[in-house]
Amino acid sequence: MAVEQEKRYVHVESKFQEGRLLLSIKNSKPSGTSSYRQTSKKDKIKHGRGIRSVRKVAEKYGGELLLKDQGEHFEAALLLNGITKLE
């Protein structure tokens, strides 16, 4: 089951303040599924590693990854500490 093409979206916001970076992501998904726990893709070998990788980055930077299933979309919030602002 997939989200209809015209209803698909990914919203990304970022905030940086005093060495802390917050990334907030909302991604559409079919309601009734829990996309962030297991990939819905047919090729499970090449997909489904993203959350694990992001958790490792959060640990590396003393941060945190929060995930919420909101029915027709899921939300991910990633907080990283000790980040130097690049200009």
PDB file of N, CA and C in Angstrom:
ATOM      1  N   MET A   1       0.842  -1.169   0.000  1.00  0.00           N
ATOM      2  CA  MET A   1       0.000   0.000   0.000  1.00  0.00           C
ATOM      3  C   MET A   1       0.892   1.237   0.000  1.00  0.00           C
ATOM      4  N   ALA A   2       0.578   2.195  -0.857  1.00  0.00           N
ATOM      5  CA  ALA A   2       1.379   3.418  -0.965  1.00  0.00           C
ATOM      6  C   ALA A   2       0.473   4.636  -0.916  1.00  0.00           C
ATOM      7  N   VAL A   3       1.050   5.757  -0.547  1.00  0.00           N
ATOM      8  CA  VAL A   3       0.330   7.031  -0.545  1.00  0.00           C
ATOM      9  C   VAL A   3       0.190   7.473  -1.997  1.00  0.00           C
ATOM     10  N   GLU A   4      -0.986   7.976  -2.362  1.00  0.00           N
ATOM     11  CA  GLU A   4      -1.202   8.474  -3.718  1.00  0.00           C
ATOM     12  C   GLU A   4      -0.174   9.550  -4.034  1.00  0.00           C
ATOM     13  N   GLN A   5       0.318   9.561  -5.250  1.00  0.00           N
ATOM     14  CA  GLN A   5       1.390  10.462  -5.667  1.00  0.00           C
ATOM     15  C   GLN A   5       1.116  11.915  -5.281  1.00  0.00           C
ATOM     16  N   GLU A   6      -0.096  12.412  -5.532  1.00  0.00           N
ATOM     17  CA  GLU A   6      -0.394  13.819  -5.264  1.00  0.00           C
ATOM     18  C   GLU A   6      -0.531  14.135  -3.774  1.00  0.00           C
ATOM     19  N   LYS A   7      -0.586  13.114  -2.926  1.00  0.00           N
ATOM     20  CA  LYS A   7      -0.701  13.333  -1.484  1.00  0.00           C
ATOM     21  C   LYS A   7       0.621  13.099  -0.737  1.00  0.00           C
ATOM     22  N   ARG A   8       1.674  12.779  -1.464  1.00  0.00           N
ATOM     23  CA  ARG A   8       2.973  12.529  -0.837  1.00  0.00           C
ATOM     24  C   ARG A   8       3.671  13.850  -0.506  1.00  0.00           C
ATOM     25  N   TYR A   9       4.352  13.872   0.632  1.00  0.00           N
ATOM     26  CA  TYR A   9       5.115  15.064   0.994  1.00  0.00           C
ATOM     27  C   TYR A   9       6.190  14.728   2.013  1.00  0.00           C
ATOM     28  N   VAL A  10       7.172  15.593   2.059  1.00  0.00           N
ATOM     29  CA  VAL A  10       8.190  15.589   3.104  1.00  0.00           C
ATOM     30  C   VAL A  10       8.426  17.054   3.456  1.00  0.00           C
ATOM     31  N   HIS A  11       8.233  17.401   4.722  1.00  0.00           N
ATOM     32  CA  HIS A  11       8.474  18.761   5.213  1.00  0.00           C
ATOM     33  C   HIS A  11       9.686  18.705   6.133  1.00  0.00           C
ATOM     34  N   VAL A  12      10.639  19.589   5.905  1.00  0.00           N
ATOM     35  CA  VAL A  12      11.860  19.614   6.717  1.00  0.00           C
ATOM     36  C   VAL A  12      12.052  21.027   7.259  1.00  0.00           C
ATOM     37  N   GLU A  13      12.315  21.118   8.548  1.00  0.00           N
ATOM     38  CA  GLU A  13      12.635  22.397   9.187  1.00  0.00           C
ATOM     39  C   GLU A  13      13.928  22.214   9.969  1.00  0.00           C
ATOM     40  N   SER A  14      14.717  23.270  10.039  1.00  0.00           N
ATOM     41  CA  SER A  14      15.937  23.207  10.842  1.00  0.00           C
ATOM     42  C   SER A  14      16.066  24.485  11.660  1.00  0.00           C
ATOM     43  N   LYS A  15      16.615  24.321  12.855  1.00  0.00           N
ATOM     44  CA  LYS A  15      16.876  25.463  13.738  1.00  0.00           C
ATOM     45  C   LYS A  15      18.254  25.251  14.344  1.00  0.00           C
ATOM     46  N   PHE A  16      19.024  26.327  14.401  1.00  0.00           N
ATOM     47  CA  PHE A  16      20.361  26.265  14.987  1.00  0.00           C
ATOM     48  C   PHE A  16      20.475  27.356  16.033  1.00  0.00           C
ATOM     49  N   GLN A  17      20.937  26.981  17.226  1.00  0.00           N
ATOM     50  CA  GLN A  17      21.122  27.976  18.272  1.00  0.00           C
ATOM     51  C   GLN A  17      22.166  27.473  19.257  1.00  0.00           C
ATOM     52  N   GLU A  18      23.194  28.278  19.462  1.00  0.00           N
ATOM     53  CA  GLU A  18      24.224  28.025  20.456  1.00  0.00           C
ATOM     54  C   GLU A  18      24.769  26.596  20.424  1.00  0.00           C
ATOM     55  N   GLY A  19      25.172  26.157  19.247  1.00  0.00           N
ATOM     56  CA  GLY A  19      25.796  24.847  19.105  1.00  0.00           C
ATOM     57  C   GLY A  19      24.845  23.670  19.078  1.00  0.00           C
ATOM     58  N   ARG A  20      23.556  23.952  19.016  1.00  0.00           N
ATOM     59  CA  ARG A  20      22.559  22.890  18.966  1.00  0.00           C
ATOM     60  C   ARG A  20      21.791  22.987  17.652  1.00  0.00           C
ATOM     61  N   LEU A  21      21.641  21.865  16.994  1.00  0.00           N
ATOM     62  CA  LEU A  21      20.912  21.804  15.731  1.00  0.00           C
ATOM     63  C   LEU A  21      19.699  20.907  15.917  1.00  0.00           C
ATOM     64  N   LEU A  22      18.518  21.421  15.561  1.00  0.00           N
ATOM     65  CA  LEU A  22      17.292  20.652  15.614  1.00  0.00           C
ATOM     66  C   LEU A  22      16.751  20.503  14.202  1.00  0.00           C
ATOM     67  N   LEU A  23      16.548  19.276  13.774  1.00  0.00           N
ATOM     68  CA  LEU A  23      15.936  18.978  12.481  1.00  0.00           C
ATOM     69  C   LEU A  23      14.587  18.338  12.749  1.00  0.00           C
ATOM     70  N   SER A  24      13.539  18.874  12.137  1.00  0.00           N
ATOM     71  CA  SER A  24      12.200  18.312  12.262  1.00  0.00           C
ATOM     72  C   SER A  24      11.720  17.899  10.879  1.00  0.00           C
ATOM     73  N   ILE A  25      11.247  16.666  10.773  1.00  0.00           N
ATOM     74  CA  ILE A  25      10.838  16.125   9.482  1.00  0.00           C
ATOM     75  C   ILE A  25       9.464  15.493   9.619  1.00  0.00           C
ATOM     76  N   LYS A  26       8.568  15.826   8.693  1.00  0.00           N
ATOM     77  CA  LYS A  26       7.257  15.185   8.603  1.00  0.00           C
ATOM     78  C   LYS A  26       7.178  14.533   7.231  1.00  0.00           C
ATOM     79  N   ASN A  27       6.775  13.276   7.210  1.00  0.00           N
ATOM     80  CA  ASN A  27       6.760  12.507   5.981  1.00  0.00           C
ATOM     81  C   ASN A  27       5.427  11.766   5.875  1.00  0.00           C
ATOM     82  N   SER A  28       4.765  11.893   4.721  1.00  0.00           N
ATOM     83  CA  SER A  28       3.492  11.195   4.531  1.00  0.00           C
ATOM     84  C   SER A  28       3.720   9.687   4.498  1.00  0.00           C
ATOM     85  N   LYS A  29       2.677   8.954   4.884  1.00  0.00           N
ATOM     86  CA  LYS A  29       2.731   7.494   4.856  1.00  0.00           C
ATOM     87  C   LYS A  29       1.308   6.970   4.811  1.00  0.00           C
ATOM     88  N   PRO A  30       1.127   5.747   4.388  1.00  0.00           N
ATOM     89  CA  PRO A  30      -0.221   5.174   4.422  1.00  0.00           C
ATOM     90  C   PRO A  30      -0.691   5.042   5.867  1.00  0.00           C
ATOM     91  N   SER A  31      -1.911   5.467   6.160  1.00  0.00           N
ATOM     92  CA  SER A  31      -2.402   5.319   7.528  1.00  0.00           C
ATOM     93  C   SER A  31      -2.539   3.838   7.851  1.00  0.00           C
ATOM     94  N   GLY A  32      -2.316   3.521   9.107  1.00  0.00           N
ATOM     95  CA  GLY A  32      -2.382   2.125   9.522  1.00  0.00           C
ATOM     96  C   GLY A  32      -1.060   1.394   9.424  1.00  0.00           C
ATOM     97  N   THR A  33      -0.029   2.061   8.894  1.00  0.00           N
ATOM     98  CA  THR A  33       1.294   1.450   8.830  1.00  0.00           C
ATOM     99  C   THR A  33       2.221   2.195   9.769  1.00  0.00           C
ATOM    100  N   SER A  34       3.294   1.555  10.139  1.00  0.00           N
ATOM    101  CA  SER A  34       4.288   2.190  11.005  1.00  0.00           C
ATOM    102  C   SER A  34       5.609   2.203  10.252  1.00  0.00           C
ATOM    103  N   SER A  35       5.753   3.150   9.337  1.00  0.00           N
ATOM    104  CA  SER A  35       6.871   3.175   8.391  1.00  0.00           C
ATOM    105  C   SER A  35       8.239   3.304   9.031  1.00  0.00           C
ATOM    106  N   TYR A  36       8.361   3.936  10.183  1.00  0.00           N
ATOM    107  CA  TYR A  36       9.690   4.139  10.726  1.00  0.00           C
ATOM    108  C   TYR A  36      10.227   2.907  11.443  1.00  0.00           C
ATOM    109  N   ARG A  37       9.428   1.904  11.670  1.00  0.00           N
ATOM    110  CA  ARG A  37       9.907   0.695  12.337  1.00  0.00           C
ATOM    111  C   ARG A  37      10.425  -0.342  11.343  1.00  0.00           C
ATOM    112  N   GLN A  38       9.806  -0.403  10.211  1.00  0.00           N
ATOM    113  CA  GLN A  38      10.217  -1.372   9.203  1.00  0.00           C
ATOM    114  C   GLN A  38       9.861  -0.814   7.832  1.00  0.00           C
ATOM    115  N   THR A  39      10.758  -0.987   6.882  1.00  0.00           N
ATOM    116  CA  THR A  39      10.496  -0.475   5.544  1.00  0.00           C
ATOM    117  C   THR A  39       9.315  -1.201   4.899  1.00  0.00           C
ATOM    118  N   SER A  40       8.577  -0.464   4.081  1.00  0.00           N
ATOM    119  CA  SER A  40       7.482  -1.070   3.326  1.00  0.00           C
ATOM    120  C   SER A  40       7.926  -1.406   1.903  1.00  0.00           C
ATOM    121  N   LYS A  41       9.195  -1.123   1.593  1.00  0.00           N
ATOM    122  CA  LYS A  41       9.729  -1.389   0.265  1.00  0.00           C
ATOM    123  C   LYS A  41       9.873  -2.899   0.041  1.00  0.00           C
ATOM    124  N   LYS A  42       9.737  -3.321  -1.204  1.00  0.00           N
ATOM    125  CA  LYS A  42       9.876  -4.744  -1.521  1.00  0.00           C
ATOM    126  C   LYS A  42      11.294  -5.237  -1.280  1.00  0.00           C
ATOM    127  N   ASP A  43      12.287  -4.425  -1.638  1.00  0.00           N
ATOM    128  CA  ASP A  43      13.691  -4.808  -1.470  1.00  0.00           C
ATOM    129  C   ASP A  43      14.159  -4.392  -0.076  1.00  0.00           C
ATOM    130  N   LYS A  44      13.947  -5.244   0.905  1.00  0.00           N
ATOM    131  CA  LYS A  44      14.249  -4.913   2.296  1.00  0.00           C
ATOM    132  C   LYS A  44      15.750  -4.906   2.581  1.00  0.00           C
ATOM    133  N   ILE A  45      16.550  -5.469   1.710  1.00  0.00           N
ATOM    134  CA  ILE A  45      17.998  -5.469   1.911  1.00  0.00           C
ATOM    135  C   ILE A  45      18.571  -4.087   1.654  1.00  0.00           C
ATOM    136  N   LYS A  46      18.077  -3.392   0.636  1.00  0.00           N
ATOM    137  CA  LYS A  46      18.610  -2.074   0.285  1.00  0.00           C
ATOM    138  C   LYS A  46      17.891  -0.934   1.005  1.00  0.00           C
ATOM    139  N   HIS A  47      16.840  -1.210   1.742  1.00  0.00           N
ATOM    140  CA  HIS A  47      16.056  -0.171   2.411  1.00  0.00           C
ATOM    141  C   HIS A  47      15.917  -0.498   3.891  1.00  0.00           C
ATOM    142  N   GLY A  48      15.570   0.533   4.677  1.00  0.00           N
ATOM    143  CA  GLY A  48      15.277   0.311   6.082  1.00  0.00           C
ATOM    144  C   GLY A  48      16.444   0.503   7.027  1.00  0.00           C
ATOM    145  N   ARG A  49      17.547   1.061   6.560  1.00  0.00           N
ATOM    146  CA  ARG A  49      18.713   1.277   7.418  1.00  0.00           C
ATOM    147  C   ARG A  49      18.819   2.712   7.919  1.00  0.00           C
ATOM    148  N   GLY A  50      17.997   3.589   7.421  1.00  0.00           N
ATOM    149  CA  GLY A  50      18.116   5.020   7.705  1.00  0.00           C
ATOM    150  C   GLY A  50      17.984   5.392   9.164  1.00  0.00           C
ATOM    151  N   ILE A  51      16.984   4.858   9.835  1.00  0.00           N
ATOM    152  CA  ILE A  51      16.757   5.218  11.232  1.00  0.00           C
ATOM    153  C   ILE A  51      17.935   4.776  12.092  1.00  0.00           C
ATOM    154  N   ARG A  52      18.446   3.606  11.846  1.00  0.00           N
ATOM    155  CA  ARG A  52      19.610   3.120  12.594  1.00  0.00           C
ATOM    156  C   ARG A  52      20.801   4.056  12.425  1.00  0.00           C
ATOM    157  N   SER A  53      21.031   4.510  11.206  1.00  0.00           N
ATOM    158  CA  SER A  53      22.138   5.424  10.918  1.00  0.00           C
ATOM    159  C   SER A  53      21.945   6.766  11.610  1.00  0.00           C
ATOM    160  N   VAL A  54      20.721   7.276  11.593  1.00  0.00           N
ATOM    161  CA  VAL A  54      20.435   8.563  12.232  1.00  0.00           C
ATOM    162  C   VAL A  54      20.603   8.451  13.748  1.00  0.00           C
ATOM    163  N   ARG A  55      20.195   7.335  14.327  1.00  0.00           N
ATOM    164  CA  ARG A  55      20.386   7.131  15.775  1.00  0.00           C
ATOM    165  C   ARG A  55      21.876   7.168  16.137  1.00  0.00           C
ATOM    166  N   LYS A  56      22.715   6.581  15.298  1.00  0.00           N
ATOM    167  CA  LYS A  56      24.162   6.591  15.545  1.00  0.00           C
ATOM    168  C   LYS A  56      24.716   8.012  15.497  1.00  0.00           C
ATOM    169  N   VAL A  57      24.234   8.813  14.571  1.00  0.00           N
ATOM    170  CA  VAL A  57      24.666  10.215  14.481  1.00  0.00           C
ATOM    171  C   VAL A  57      24.224  10.965  15.730  1.00  0.00           C
ATOM    172  N   ALA A  58      22.991  10.740  16.178  1.00  0.00           N
ATOM    173  CA  ALA A  58      22.491  11.396  17.386  1.00  0.00           C
ATOM    174  C   ALA A  58      23.367  11.041  18.585  1.00  0.00           C
ATOM    175  N   GLU A  59      23.725   9.773  18.732  1.00  0.00           N
ATOM    176  CA  GLU A  59      24.593   9.335  19.824  1.00  0.00           C
ATOM    177  C   GLU A  59      25.962  10.002  19.738  1.00  0.00           C
ATOM    178  N   LYS A  60      26.509  10.075  18.549  1.00  0.00           N
ATOM    179  CA  LYS A  60      27.830  10.666  18.341  1.00  0.00           C
ATOM    180  C   LYS A  60      27.869  12.118  18.810  1.00  0.00           C
ATOM    181  N   TYR A  61      26.784  12.857  18.599  1.00  0.00           N
ATOM    182  CA  TYR A  61      26.733  14.269  18.945  1.00  0.00           C
ATOM    183  C   TYR A  61      25.960  14.536  20.236  1.00  0.00           C
ATOM    184  N   GLY A  62      25.824  13.524  21.076  1.00  0.00           N
ATOM    185  CA  GLY A  62      25.160  13.704  22.363  1.00  0.00           C
ATOM    186  C   GLY A  62      23.732  14.194  22.241  1.00  0.00           C
ATOM    187  N   GLY A  63      23.075  13.757  21.199  1.00  0.00           N
ATOM    188  CA  GLY A  63      21.723  14.227  20.933  1.00  0.00           C
ATOM    189  C   GLY A  63      20.691  13.147  21.109  1.00  0.00           C
ATOM    190  N   GLU A  64      19.596  13.319  20.394  1.00  0.00           N
ATOM    191  CA  GLU A  64      18.472  12.421  20.559  1.00  0.00           C
ATOM    192  C   GLU A  64      17.653  12.389  19.279  1.00  0.00           C
ATOM    193  N   LEU A  65      17.057  11.237  19.001  1.00  0.00           N
ATOM    194  CA  LEU A  65      16.132  11.086  17.880  1.00  0.00           C
ATOM    195  C   LEU A  65      14.784  10.670  18.444  1.00  0.00           C
ATOM    196  N   LEU A  66      13.759  11.450  18.139  1.00  0.00           N
ATOM    197  CA  LEU A  66      12.397  11.132  18.575  1.00  0.00           C
ATOM    198  C   LEU A  66      11.541  10.854  17.354  1.00  0.00           C
ATOM    199  N   LEU A  67      10.748   9.795  17.418  1.00  0.00           N
ATOM    200  CA  LEU A  67       9.884   9.402  16.309  1.00  0.00           C
ATOM    201  C   LEU A  67       8.447   9.297  16.798  1.00  0.00           C
ATOM    202  N   LYS A  68       7.509   9.797  15.983  1.00  0.00           N
ATOM    203  CA  LYS A  68       6.093   9.717  16.328  1.00  0.00           C
ATOM    204  C   LYS A  68       5.288   9.310  15.105  1.00  0.00           C
ATOM    205  N   ASP A  69       4.423   8.351  15.285  1.00  0.00           N
ATOM    206  CA  ASP A  69       3.486   7.953  14.241  1.00  0.00           C
ATOM    207  C   ASP A  69       2.220   8.773  14.439  1.00  0.00           C
ATOM    208  N   GLN A  70       1.876   9.596  13.447  1.00  0.00           N
ATOM    209  CA  GLN A  70       0.704  10.464  13.547  1.00  0.00           C
ATOM    210  C   GLN A  70      -0.409  10.039  12.595  1.00  0.00           C
ATOM    211  N   GLY A  71      -0.476   8.769  12.284  1.00  0.00           N
ATOM    212  CA  GLY A  71      -1.541   8.264  11.405  1.00  0.00           C
ATOM    213  C   GLY A  71      -1.168   8.357   9.944  1.00  0.00           C
ATOM    214  N   GLU A  72      -1.456   9.491   9.306  1.00  0.00           N
ATOM    215  CA  GLU A  72      -1.176   9.639   7.879  1.00  0.00           C
ATOM    216  C   GLU A  72       0.197  10.235   7.608  1.00  0.00           C
ATOM    217  N   HIS A  73       0.950  10.521   8.664  1.00  0.00           N
ATOM    218  CA  HIS A  73       2.342  10.946   8.495  1.00  0.00           C
ATOM    219  C   HIS A  73       3.123  10.550   9.739  1.00  0.00           C
ATOM    220  N   PHE A  74       4.441  10.513   9.585  1.00  0.00           N
ATOM    221  CA  PHE A  74       5.244  10.328  10.785  1.00  0.00           C
ATOM    222  C   PHE A  74       6.178  11.506  10.933  1.00  0.00           C
ATOM    223  N   GLU A  75       6.576  11.728  12.177  1.00  0.00           N
ATOM    224  CA  GLU A  75       7.435  12.857  12.495  1.00  0.00           C
ATOM    225  C   GLU A  75       8.730  12.342  13.107  1.00  0.00           C
ATOM    226  N   ALA A  76       9.810  12.964  12.712  1.00  0.00           N
ATOM    227  CA  ALA A  76      11.114  12.675  13.292  1.00  0.00           C
ATOM    228  C   ALA A  76      11.722  13.999  13.731  1.00  0.00           C
ATOM    229  N   ALA A  77      12.247  14.009  14.942  1.00  0.00           N
ATOM    230  CA  ALA A  77      12.949  15.192  15.450  1.00  0.00           C
ATOM    231  C   ALA A  77      14.336  14.739  15.872  1.00  0.00           C
ATOM    232  N   LEU A  78      15.346  15.371  15.312  1.00  0.00           N
ATOM    233  CA  LEU A  78      16.734  15.030  15.596  1.00  0.00           C
ATOM    234  C   LEU A  78      17.409  16.235  16.225  1.00  0.00           C
ATOM    235  N   LEU A  79      17.932  16.049  17.428  1.00  0.00           N
ATOM    236  CA  LEU A  79      18.661  17.099  18.120  1.00  0.00           C
ATOM    237  C   LEU A  79      20.124  16.692  18.197  1.00  0.00           C
ATOM    238  N   LEU A  80      20.998  17.582  17.744  1.00  0.00           N
ATOM    239  CA  LEU A  80      22.441  17.352  17.798  1.00  0.00           C
ATOM    240  C   LEU A  80      23.082  18.469  18.600  1.00  0.00           C
ATOM    241  N   ASN A  81      24.025  18.120  19.462  1.00  0.00           N
ATOM    242  CA  ASN A  81      24.725  19.088  20.305  1.00  0.00           C
ATOM    243  C   ASN A  81      26.172  19.256  19.840  1.00  0.00           C
ATOM    244  N   GLY A  82      26.765  20.393  20.186  1.00  0.00           N
ATOM    245  CA  GLY A  82      28.187  20.622  19.866  1.00  0.00           C
ATOM    246  C   GLY A  82      28.442  20.832  18.397  1.00  0.00           C
ATOM    247  N   ILE A  83      27.494  21.395  17.700  1.00  0.00           N
ATOM    248  CA  ILE A  83      27.636  21.640  16.267  1.00  0.00           C
ATOM    249  C   ILE A  83      28.194  23.041  16.046  1.00  0.00           C
ATOM    250  N   THR A  84      29.195  23.139  15.191  1.00  0.00           N
ATOM    251  CA  THR A  84      29.758  24.427  14.812  1.00  0.00           C
ATOM    252  C   THR A  84      29.041  24.923  13.574  1.00  0.00           C
ATOM    253  N   LYS A  85      28.551  26.149  13.646  1.00  0.00           N
ATOM    254  CA  LYS A  85      27.831  26.711  12.508  1.00  0.00           C
ATOM    255  C   LYS A  85      28.795  26.941  11.355  1.00  0.00           C
ATOM    256  N   LEU A  86      28.422  26.426  10.185  1.00  0.00           N
ATOM    257  CA  LEU A  86      29.220  26.634   8.987  1.00  0.00           C
ATOM    258  C   LEU A  86      28.665  27.819   8.223  1.00  0.00           C
ATOM    259  N   GLU A  87      29.535  28.677   7.744  1.00  0.00           N
ATOM    260  CA  GLU A  87      29.070  29.840   6.991  1.00  0.00           C
ATOM    261  C   GLU A  87      29.598  29.805   5.585  1.00  0.00           C
TER     262      GLU A  87
END
